[in-house]
N, C-alpha and C. Protein backbone atom coordinates (compact mmCIF):
# COMPACT_ATOMS: atom_id res chain seq x y z
N MET A 1 0.86 -1.29 0.21
CA MET A 1 0.00 -0.28 0.06
C MET A 1 1.16 1.24 -0.07
N THR A 2 0.30 2.04 -0.84
CA THR A 2 1.57 3.12 -0.76
C THR A 2 0.91 4.70 -0.82
N PRO A 3 1.44 5.52 -0.29
CA PRO A 3 0.39 6.68 0.26
C PRO A 3 -0.06 7.27 -0.33
N SER A 4 -0.96 7.95 -0.76
CA SER A 4 -1.62 8.74 -2.10
C SER A 4 -1.52 10.16 -1.79
N HIS A 5 -1.07 10.98 -0.64
CA HIS A 5 -0.41 12.24 -0.43
C HIS A 5 0.91 12.48 0.58
N MET A 6 1.69 13.47 0.44
CA MET A 6 2.48 13.51 1.37
C MET A 6 2.21 13.58 2.74
N HIS A 7 2.78 13.69 3.66
CA HIS A 7 2.90 13.46 5.22
C HIS A 7 2.96 14.88 5.61
N VAL A 8 1.56 15.79 6.60
CA VAL A 8 2.06 16.81 6.40
C VAL A 8 1.51 16.80 7.82
N PRO A 9 2.16 17.26 8.75
CA PRO A 9 1.88 17.20 10.46
C PRO A 9 0.76 17.74 10.10
N THR A 10 0.62 19.36 10.21
CA THR A 10 -0.78 19.41 9.81
C THR A 10 -2.21 19.06 10.07
N ASN A 11 -2.36 18.52 9.10
CA ASN A 11 -3.07 17.08 8.59
C ASN A 11 -3.32 16.27 9.70
N CYS A 12 -2.16 15.85 10.07
CA CYS A 12 -2.23 14.51 11.09
C CYS A 12 -2.86 15.55 12.46
N ARG A 13 -3.20 16.47 12.84
CA ARG A 13 -3.29 16.87 14.14
C ARG A 13 -4.71 17.11 14.04
N THR A 14 -4.91 17.34 12.84
CA THR A 14 -6.40 17.71 12.43
C THR A 14 -7.40 16.34 12.47
N VAL A 15 -6.95 15.27 11.67
CA VAL A 15 -7.73 14.39 11.32
C VAL A 15 -7.44 13.74 13.09
N THR A 16 -6.43 13.63 13.69
CA THR A 16 -6.65 13.15 14.77
C THR A 16 -7.59 14.00 15.91
N GLU A 17 -7.73 15.40 15.99
CA GLU A 17 -8.35 15.69 16.32
C GLU A 17 -10.05 15.11 15.94
N ILE A 18 -10.05 15.41 15.04
CA ILE A 18 -11.94 15.10 14.85
C ILE A 18 -12.01 13.65 15.27
N LEU A 19 -10.86 12.80 14.54
CA LEU A 19 -11.02 11.48 15.13
C LEU A 19 -11.74 10.77 16.42
N SER A 20 -11.13 12.15 17.29
CA SER A 20 -10.94 11.85 18.47
C SER A 20 -12.53 12.10 18.85
N ARG A 21 -12.91 12.93 18.61
CA ARG A 21 -14.12 13.67 18.43
C ARG A 21 -15.50 12.12 17.93
N ILE A 22 -15.86 12.51 17.06
CA ILE A 22 -16.26 11.24 16.33
C ILE A 22 -15.79 9.51 16.56
N GLY A 23 -14.71 9.38 17.61
CA GLY A 23 -14.19 7.81 17.97
C GLY A 23 -14.45 8.03 18.94
N ASP A 24 -14.89 8.51 20.00
CA ASP A 24 -15.23 8.63 21.46
C ASP A 24 -16.66 7.56 21.57
N LYS A 25 -16.56 7.52 22.93
CA LYS A 25 -17.86 6.24 23.32
C LYS A 25 -18.98 6.50 22.56
N TRP A 26 -19.49 7.69 22.68
CA TRP A 26 -20.99 8.15 22.55
C TRP A 26 -21.24 9.17 21.14
N SER A 27 -20.34 9.38 20.34
CA SER A 27 -20.57 10.28 18.80
C SER A 27 -21.50 9.61 17.95
N VAL A 28 -20.58 8.72 18.40
CA VAL A 28 -21.20 7.63 16.68
C VAL A 28 -22.70 7.07 17.50
N GLN A 29 -23.35 6.82 18.36
CA GLN A 29 -24.35 6.24 19.09
C GLN A 29 -25.05 7.26 19.20
N VAL A 30 -24.63 8.64 18.89
CA VAL A 30 -25.82 9.53 19.27
C VAL A 30 -25.73 9.87 17.12
N VAL A 31 -25.03 9.71 16.75
CA VAL A 31 -25.08 10.67 15.23
C VAL A 31 -25.82 9.25 14.71
N VAL A 32 -26.05 8.14 15.17
CA VAL A 32 -26.47 7.24 14.15
C VAL A 32 -28.00 7.00 14.96
N GLN A 33 -28.69 7.53 15.87
CA GLN A 33 -29.88 7.66 16.74
C GLN A 33 -30.85 8.97 15.65
N LEU A 34 -29.62 9.95 15.29
CA LEU A 34 -30.34 11.13 14.80
C LEU A 34 -30.25 10.97 13.39
N GLY A 35 -29.84 9.57 12.92
CA GLY A 35 -30.08 9.44 11.20
C GLY A 35 -31.34 8.82 11.09
N GLY A 36 -32.28 8.53 12.00
CA GLY A 36 -33.71 8.59 12.18
C GLY A 36 -34.21 9.29 12.32
N GLY A 37 -34.13 10.95 12.64
CA GLY A 37 -34.48 12.19 12.37
C GLY A 37 -34.25 12.93 13.79
N PRO A 38 -34.73 13.69 13.61
CA PRO A 38 -34.82 15.03 14.77
C PRO A 38 -35.01 13.77 16.47
N LYS A 39 -34.36 14.68 17.26
CA LYS A 39 -35.26 13.95 18.12
C LYS A 39 -34.82 14.82 19.76
N ARG A 40 -35.53 14.38 20.78
CA ARG A 40 -35.40 15.41 22.19
C ARG A 40 -34.18 14.78 22.70
N PHE A 41 -34.25 15.34 23.88
CA PHE A 41 -32.91 15.22 24.66
C PHE A 41 -33.13 13.94 25.54
N ASN A 42 -34.33 13.53 26.12
CA ASN A 42 -34.73 12.72 26.80
C ASN A 42 -35.30 11.67 25.88
N GLU A 43 -35.42 11.46 24.31
CA GLU A 43 -35.71 10.40 23.80
C GLU A 43 -34.08 9.85 23.32
N LEU A 44 -32.87 10.80 22.98
CA LEU A 44 -31.86 10.00 23.35
C LEU A 44 -31.52 9.37 24.15
N ARG A 45 -31.78 10.03 25.66
CA ARG A 45 -30.84 9.14 26.81
C ARG A 45 -31.99 7.83 26.55
N ARG A 46 -32.78 7.80 26.25
CA ARG A 46 -33.06 6.54 26.10
C ARG A 46 -32.83 5.44 25.85
N VAL A 47 -32.67 5.74 23.78
CA VAL A 47 -32.21 4.88 23.12
C VAL A 47 -30.66 5.09 22.77
N VAL A 48 -29.70 5.75 23.77
CA VAL A 48 -28.56 5.32 23.67
C VAL A 48 -28.23 5.19 25.42
N SER A 49 -27.75 3.70 25.07
CA SER A 49 -28.37 2.83 26.63
C SER A 49 -26.54 3.04 27.19
N GLY A 50 -27.04 3.17 28.16
CA GLY A 50 -26.08 3.49 29.44
C GLY A 50 -24.95 4.98 29.40
N ILE A 51 -25.79 6.08 28.33
CA ILE A 51 -25.28 7.21 28.61
C ILE A 51 -26.11 8.27 29.89
N SER A 52 -25.04 8.61 30.90
CA SER A 52 -25.49 9.93 31.73
C SER A 52 -26.02 10.94 31.75
N GLN A 53 -26.82 12.05 31.89
CA GLN A 53 -27.04 12.74 31.51
C GLN A 53 -26.19 14.30 30.99
N ARG A 54 -25.17 14.02 31.88
CA ARG A 54 -24.30 15.15 31.43
C ARG A 54 -22.79 14.51 30.50
N MET A 55 -22.78 12.98 30.14
CA MET A 55 -22.16 13.22 29.07
C MET A 55 -23.47 13.16 27.86
N LEU A 56 -24.35 13.15 27.99
CA LEU A 56 -25.37 13.46 26.73
C LEU A 56 -24.79 14.52 26.18
N THR A 57 -25.17 15.90 27.28
CA THR A 57 -25.12 16.84 27.20
C THR A 57 -23.80 17.53 26.90
N LEU A 58 -22.53 16.98 27.40
CA LEU A 58 -21.17 17.04 26.17
C LEU A 58 -20.90 16.60 24.96
N THR A 59 -21.73 15.78 24.75
CA THR A 59 -21.29 14.90 23.19
C THR A 59 -22.16 15.73 22.46
N LEU A 60 -23.31 16.25 22.58
CA LEU A 60 -24.07 16.75 21.95
C LEU A 60 -23.68 18.25 22.12
N ARG A 61 -23.19 18.68 22.34
CA ARG A 61 -22.45 20.44 22.73
C ARG A 61 -20.75 20.08 21.59
N GLY A 62 -20.32 19.37 21.87
CA GLY A 62 -19.29 18.65 20.94
C GLY A 62 -19.51 18.10 19.04
N LEU A 63 -20.57 17.92 19.09
CA LEU A 63 -21.07 17.49 17.93
C LEU A 63 -21.85 19.11 17.13
N GLU A 64 -22.81 19.51 18.09
CA GLU A 64 -22.85 21.13 17.38
C GLU A 64 -21.80 21.97 17.43
N ARG A 65 -20.84 21.74 18.49
CA ARG A 65 -19.49 22.40 18.13
C ARG A 65 -19.07 22.72 16.81
N ASP A 66 -19.10 21.16 16.29
CA ASP A 66 -18.50 20.58 15.07
C ASP A 66 -19.49 20.99 14.10
N GLY A 67 -20.59 21.31 14.35
CA GLY A 67 -21.08 21.67 12.78
C GLY A 67 -22.02 20.68 12.13
N LEU A 68 -22.07 19.24 13.07
CA LEU A 68 -22.65 17.77 12.98
C LEU A 68 -23.44 17.65 13.16
N ILE A 69 -24.11 18.62 14.02
CA ILE A 69 -25.66 18.37 14.14
C ILE A 69 -26.38 19.70 14.74
N THR A 70 -27.45 19.96 14.47
CA THR A 70 -28.09 21.81 15.15
C THR A 70 -28.87 21.43 16.33
N ARG A 71 -29.05 22.41 17.36
CA ARG A 71 -30.12 22.32 18.46
C ARG A 71 -31.21 23.32 18.06
N THR A 72 -32.69 23.55 17.76
CA THR A 72 -33.45 23.81 18.02
C THR A 72 -34.29 24.41 18.86
N VAL A 73 -34.22 25.34 19.50
CA VAL A 73 -34.94 25.22 20.87
C VAL A 73 -36.35 25.77 20.01
N TYR A 74 -37.70 25.40 20.80
CA TYR A 74 -39.17 25.88 20.43
C TYR A 74 -39.72 26.51 21.58
N PRO A 75 -40.37 27.89 21.58
CA PRO A 75 -40.71 28.92 22.41
C PRO A 75 -42.19 28.51 23.13
N THR A 76 -41.85 27.17 24.22
CA THR A 76 -42.97 26.45 24.73
C THR A 76 -43.23 26.02 26.37
N ILE A 77 -43.48 25.84 27.14
CA ILE A 77 -43.49 25.67 28.35
C ILE A 77 -44.08 23.91 28.90
N PRO A 78 -42.58 23.60 28.80
CA PRO A 78 -41.38 23.70 29.46
C PRO A 78 -40.80 24.42 28.03
N PRO A 79 -39.42 24.28 27.56
CA PRO A 79 -38.96 24.44 26.42
C PRO A 79 -38.59 23.55 25.33
N ARG A 80 -39.09 23.17 24.20
CA ARG A 80 -38.90 22.37 23.30
C ARG A 80 -37.57 22.07 23.01
N VAL A 81 -36.52 21.54 22.33
CA VAL A 81 -35.46 21.41 21.90
C VAL A 81 -35.22 19.66 21.46
N ASP A 82 -34.82 20.55 20.25
CA ASP A 82 -34.82 19.22 19.29
C ASP A 82 -33.25 18.85 18.67
N TYR A 83 -32.44 17.82 18.47
CA TYR A 83 -31.55 17.84 17.66
C TYR A 83 -31.52 17.14 16.40
N GLN A 84 -30.49 17.63 15.47
CA GLN A 84 -30.91 17.43 14.52
C GLN A 84 -29.97 16.99 13.63
N LEU A 85 -29.01 16.13 12.34
CA LEU A 85 -27.81 15.85 12.09
C LEU A 85 -28.32 17.23 10.87
N THR A 86 -26.97 17.55 10.81
CA THR A 86 -26.28 18.62 9.95
C THR A 86 -26.41 17.85 8.14
N ASP A 87 -26.22 18.69 7.40
CA ASP A 87 -25.22 17.91 6.14
C ASP A 87 -24.34 17.31 6.11
N LEU A 88 -23.14 17.84 7.05
CA LEU A 88 -21.83 17.27 7.35
C LEU A 88 -22.36 15.86 8.60
N GLY A 89 -23.35 16.02 9.37
CA GLY A 89 -23.82 14.80 10.11
C GLY A 89 -24.46 13.99 9.31
N CYS A 90 -24.74 13.99 8.25
CA CYS A 90 -25.22 13.25 7.01
C CYS A 90 -24.15 12.57 6.49
N SER A 91 -23.09 12.95 6.40
CA SER A 91 -22.40 13.15 5.55
C SER A 91 -21.35 12.11 6.58
N LEU A 92 -21.33 11.82 7.87
CA LEU A 92 -20.61 11.10 9.00
C LEU A 92 -21.10 9.98 9.22
N LEU A 93 -22.61 9.69 8.61
CA LEU A 93 -23.54 8.99 8.98
C LEU A 93 -23.22 8.18 8.12
N ARG A 94 -22.99 8.32 6.65
CA ARG A 94 -22.85 7.47 5.83
C ARG A 94 -21.70 6.82 6.13
N ALA A 95 -20.26 7.88 6.37
CA ALA A 95 -19.15 7.00 6.45
C ALA A 95 -18.82 5.79 7.67
N VAL A 96 -20.27 6.34 8.88
CA VAL A 96 -20.18 5.34 9.90
C VAL A 96 -20.96 4.09 9.58
N ARG A 97 -21.67 4.19 8.72
CA ARG A 97 -22.67 2.64 8.23
C ARG A 97 -21.64 2.04 7.09
N ALA A 98 -21.36 2.72 6.72
CA ALA A 98 -19.99 1.79 5.82
C ALA A 98 -18.78 1.12 6.32
N LEU A 99 -18.06 1.71 7.34
CA LEU A 99 -17.13 1.21 8.27
C LEU A 99 -18.33 0.12 9.16
N GLY A 100 -19.84 0.07 9.29
CA GLY A 100 -20.55 -0.64 10.15
C GLY A 100 -20.48 -2.24 9.10
N VAL A 101 -20.84 -2.07 7.46
CA VAL A 101 -20.85 -3.06 7.29
C VAL A 101 -19.96 -3.51 6.57
N TRP A 102 -18.76 -3.31 6.97
CA TRP A 102 -16.71 -3.24 6.55
C TRP A 102 -17.11 -4.56 7.72
N ALA A 103 -17.18 -3.87 9.12
CA ALA A 103 -17.22 -4.17 10.21
C ALA A 103 -17.74 -5.64 10.65
N ILE A 104 -19.09 -6.03 10.29
CA ILE A 104 -20.11 -7.01 10.05
C ILE A 104 -19.81 -8.10 8.33
N GLU A 105 -18.70 -7.91 7.20
CA GLU A 105 -18.48 -8.15 6.34
C GLU A 105 -17.23 -9.19 7.03
N ASN A 106 -16.18 -8.68 8.15
CA ASN A 106 -15.27 -8.93 8.53
C ASN A 106 -15.01 -9.85 9.52
N ARG A 107 -16.25 -9.61 10.21
CA ARG A 107 -16.20 -10.16 11.89
C ARG A 107 -15.77 -11.58 11.92
N ASP A 108 -15.87 -12.23 11.08
CA ASP A 108 -15.28 -13.90 11.13
C ASP A 108 -13.92 -13.79 11.35
N GLU A 109 -13.58 -13.44 9.93
CA GLU A 109 -11.79 -13.06 9.54
C GLU A 109 -11.20 -11.91 10.99
N ILE A 110 -11.76 -11.54 11.89
CA ILE A 110 -11.21 -10.65 13.26
C ILE A 110 -11.08 -12.22 14.08
N LEU A 111 -12.87 -12.36 14.45
CA LEU A 111 -12.68 -12.88 14.99
C LEU A 111 -11.68 -14.78 15.08
N GLU A 112 -11.15 -15.03 14.18
CA GLU A 112 -10.27 -16.02 13.77
C GLU A 112 -8.74 -15.68 14.09
N ALA A 113 -8.41 -14.44 13.77
CA ALA A 113 -7.62 -13.72 13.54
C ALA A 113 -7.25 -13.70 14.77
N ARG A 114 -7.66 -13.37 16.16
CA ARG A 114 -7.85 -13.02 17.57
C ARG A 114 -7.95 -14.40 18.44
N ARG A 115 -8.30 -15.44 17.39
CA ARG A 115 -8.14 -16.62 18.43
C ARG A 115 -6.82 -16.99 18.13
N ARG A 116 -6.35 -17.10 17.27
CA ARG A 116 -5.05 -17.00 16.83
C ARG A 116 -3.96 -16.74 17.35
N PHE A 117 -4.29 -15.34 17.33
CA PHE A 117 -2.76 -14.70 18.47
C PHE A 117 -3.26 -15.33 19.66
N ASP A 118 -4.58 -15.27 20.50
CA ASP A 118 -4.67 -15.49 21.46
C ASP A 118 -3.74 -17.01 21.95
N GLU A 119 -3.73 -17.72 20.94
CA GLU A 119 -3.30 -18.79 20.93
C GLU A 119 -1.74 -19.24 20.70
N GLY A 120 -1.45 -17.98 20.32
CA GLY A 120 -0.52 -17.95 19.97
C GLY A 120 0.74 -18.60 18.73
N ALA A 121 -0.76 -19.07 17.91
CA ALA A 121 -0.58 -19.30 16.52
C ALA A 121 0.53 -18.58 15.75
N GLU A 122 0.63 -18.74 14.66
CA GLU A 122 1.27 -18.68 13.34
C GLU A 122 0.16 -17.90 12.59
N PRO A 123 0.44 -16.51 11.72
CA PRO A 123 -0.78 -16.04 10.88
C PRO A 123 -0.62 -16.78 9.74
N LYS A 124 -1.77 -17.13 9.64
CA LYS A 124 -2.24 -17.81 8.61
C LYS A 124 -1.36 -16.36 7.04
N PRO A 125 -0.55 -16.87 5.76
CA PRO A 125 -0.11 -16.23 4.96
C PRO A 125 -1.51 -15.81 4.45
N GLN A 126 -1.66 -14.06 3.51
CA GLN A 126 -2.34 -13.47 3.14
C GLN A 126 -2.15 -13.76 1.66
N SER A 127 -3.56 -13.74 0.86
CA SER A 127 -3.09 -14.00 -0.66
C SER A 127 -3.01 -13.00 -1.18
N ASP A 128 -2.35 -12.87 -2.30
CA ASP A 128 -1.93 -11.35 -3.32
C ASP A 128 -3.21 -10.96 -3.60
N ALA A 129 -4.24 -11.94 -4.10
CA ALA A 129 -5.56 -11.07 -4.48
C ALA A 129 -6.42 -10.75 -3.34
N ALA A 130 -6.25 -9.31 -3.68
CA ALA A 130 -7.25 -8.12 -2.75
C ALA A 130 -8.34 -7.46 -3.52
């Protein structure tokens, strides 16, 4: 595999920063849930298993700051707040879904590699056909 572009340190920092946002424990789950349409805070809290109120608040703020979601406040009593993916968030959702498909398609091979590794077996040679 050859790189398609030169290594630029500022690009690495940018990529690392962005991947740390979308690669945290909760962001992808929130993005996937918002892929089904706008949701209110408590709806998200119910469907993202195990997330605390504080962590959901921090995750939503980070996603909003990065332009991946919008937060709309409606002037009702009590105030209604909806969260929704932006176009940028939708493009992330497509990438996340593609990664999910890859994970499912390669699950058995990964599990087998883990089994061999854990048993201390020699790795199986890869074929040149890719």
